[in-house]
Amino acid sequence: MKPKHTNTGARLRVVLGPGIALGPGKADLLEAIAATGSISAAGRKLRMSYRRAWLLVEELNSSFQSALVAADKGGAHGGGARLTELGARVLRHFRSMERKTQKAIAADLSALATIAKPQR
């Protein structure tokens, strides 16, 4: 998670096992699904293709004990998607880890930023 006032920061990626990882992109997708109620709308919001969004949802759903995203099929009343209780819990834990990580590294990050070569 990057501080809003600078161009410095760190991005957390949590590896939970072989082939099971959760990072900012998947967390952003979960948040966007919760906000929009739709996998396709979430993908558009994140400038991600519908196919990419669906592949990430499938990956997330298969990586945990139960699904993180529940999707309803389209039809006369349209489809939709929502985070399951587990999905909301996973997202809360990840965002909490991001905040704790940023706080823990703030002093070192600031020190590194002061000695880094300025970029144009």
Protein backbone atom coordinates (compact mmCIF):
# COMPACT_ATOMS: atom_id res chain seq x y z
CA MET A 1 0.00 0.00 0.00
CA LYS A 2 1.53 3.30 -1.05
CA PRO A 3 1.35 6.40 1.09
CA LYS A 4 -0.84 8.97 -0.65
CA HIS A 5 1.62 11.85 -0.24
CA THR A 6 4.68 10.33 -1.95
CA ASN A 7 5.68 8.04 -4.76
CA THR A 8 7.30 5.61 -2.32
CA GLY A 9 5.71 2.55 -0.83
CA ALA A 10 5.55 -1.19 -0.70
CA ARG A 11 3.13 -3.67 -2.15
CA LEU A 12 2.27 -6.66 0.00
CA ARG A 13 1.96 -10.10 -1.58
CA VAL A 14 1.04 -12.93 0.78
CA VAL A 15 1.90 -16.49 -0.27
CA LEU A 16 -0.30 -18.99 1.53
CA GLY A 17 0.96 -22.12 -0.19
CA PRO A 18 2.08 -23.45 -3.56
CA GLY A 19 0.17 -21.46 -6.18
CA ILE A 20 -1.86 -19.59 -3.56
CA ALA A 21 -1.09 -15.88 -3.32
CA LEU A 22 -3.02 -12.79 -2.41
CA GLY A 23 -1.83 -9.33 -3.38
CA PRO A 24 -3.14 -5.83 -4.01
CA GLY A 25 -4.66 -6.68 -7.39
CA LYS A 26 -6.83 -9.48 -6.07
CA ALA A 27 -7.74 -7.44 -3.00
CA ASP A 28 -8.72 -4.50 -5.23
CA LEU A 29 -10.86 -6.87 -7.31
CA LEU A 30 -12.64 -8.18 -4.21
CA GLU A 31 -13.30 -4.59 -3.08
CA ALA A 32 -14.60 -3.62 -6.52
CA ILE A 33 -16.92 -6.64 -6.61
CA ALA A 34 -18.26 -5.68 -3.17
CA ALA A 35 -18.78 -2.09 -4.36
CA THR A 36 -20.33 -2.83 -7.76
CA GLY A 37 -22.11 -6.15 -7.23
CA SER A 38 -20.68 -7.38 -10.51
CA ILE A 39 -17.52 -9.10 -11.69
CA SER A 40 -17.68 -7.40 -15.08
CA ALA A 41 -18.27 -3.94 -13.55
CA ALA A 42 -15.44 -4.56 -11.09
CA GLY A 43 -13.16 -5.49 -13.98
CA ARG A 44 -14.11 -2.32 -15.87
CA LYS A 45 -13.52 -0.22 -12.77
CA LEU A 46 -10.02 -1.67 -12.49
CA ARG A 47 -9.39 -1.49 -16.27
CA MET A 48 -9.19 -5.26 -16.40
CA SER A 49 -10.76 -7.50 -19.02
CA TYR A 50 -13.84 -9.47 -18.09
CA ARG A 51 -11.92 -12.69 -18.74
CA ARG A 52 -9.04 -11.64 -16.48
CA ALA A 53 -11.45 -10.69 -13.69
CA TRP A 54 -13.23 -14.06 -13.98
CA LEU A 55 -9.94 -15.98 -13.98
CA LEU A 56 -8.83 -14.18 -10.83
CA VAL A 57 -12.18 -14.87 -9.14
CA GLU A 58 -11.90 -18.56 -10.05
CA GLU A 59 -8.34 -18.61 -8.70
CA LEU A 60 -9.44 -16.95 -5.46
CA ASN A 61 -12.43 -19.26 -5.05
CA SER A 62 -10.31 -22.37 -5.53
CA SER A 63 -7.57 -21.17 -3.16
CA PHE A 64 -9.66 -21.09 0.00
CA GLN A 65 -11.83 -23.55 1.93
CA SER A 66 -14.92 -22.09 0.32
CA ALA A 67 -15.71 -19.46 -2.30
CA LEU A 68 -14.81 -15.81 -1.67
CA VAL A 69 -17.13 -14.58 -4.43
CA ALA A 70 -20.63 -15.86 -5.15
CA ALA A 71 -21.84 -15.17 -8.67
CA ASP A 72 -25.40 -15.40 -9.95
CA LYS A 73 -25.97 -16.34 -13.57
CA GLY A 74 -27.31 -13.71 -15.95
CA GLY A 75 -30.72 -13.92 -17.50
CA ALA A 76 -33.95 -11.95 -17.48
CA HIS A 77 -33.04 -10.29 -14.18
CA GLY A 78 -29.33 -10.02 -14.92
CA GLY A 79 -26.51 -11.58 -13.00
CA GLY A 80 -24.51 -10.30 -10.13
CA ALA A 81 -21.77 -11.11 -7.71
CA ARG A 82 -21.08 -10.54 -4.06
CA LEU A 83 -18.41 -11.35 -1.54
CA THR A 84 -19.23 -14.25 0.70
CA GLU A 85 -18.69 -13.91 4.43
CA LEU A 86 -15.33 -15.63 3.94
CA GLY A 87 -14.47 -13.25 1.08
CA ALA A 88 -15.14 -10.22 3.26
CA ARG A 89 -13.06 -11.77 6.05
CA VAL A 90 -10.11 -12.50 3.74
CA LEU A 91 -10.25 -8.93 2.39
CA ARG A 92 -10.32 -7.45 5.92
CA HIS A 93 -7.30 -9.54 6.96
CA PHE A 94 -5.33 -8.57 3.86
CA ARG A 95 -6.05 -4.83 4.24
CA SER A 96 -5.10 -5.07 7.93
CA MET A 97 -1.78 -6.69 6.98
CA GLU A 98 -1.16 -3.92 4.43
CA ARG A 99 -1.71 -1.22 7.06
CA LYS A 100 0.53 -2.98 9.58
CA THR A 101 3.25 -3.52 6.97
CA GLN A 102 3.22 0.14 5.93
CA LYS A 103 3.45 1.27 9.53
CA ALA A 104 6.27 -1.18 10.31
CA ILE A 105 8.43 -0.10 7.37
CA ALA A 106 7.67 3.64 7.37
CA ALA A 107 10.96 4.77 8.93
CA ASP A 108 13.13 2.53 6.73
CA LEU A 109 11.16 3.47 3.64
CA SER A 110 11.60 7.16 4.40
CA ALA A 111 15.35 6.65 4.93
CA LEU A 112 15.67 4.83 1.61
CA ALA A 113 13.63 7.48 -0.18
CA THR A 114 16.00 10.21 0.99
CA ILE A 115 19.03 8.43 -0.51
CA ALA A 116 17.39 7.20 -3.71
CA LYS A 117 18.33 8.90 -6.96
CA PRO A 118 15.52 11.28 -7.99
CA GLN A 119 13.53 10.11 -11.02
CA ARG A 120 12.31 12.43 -13.74
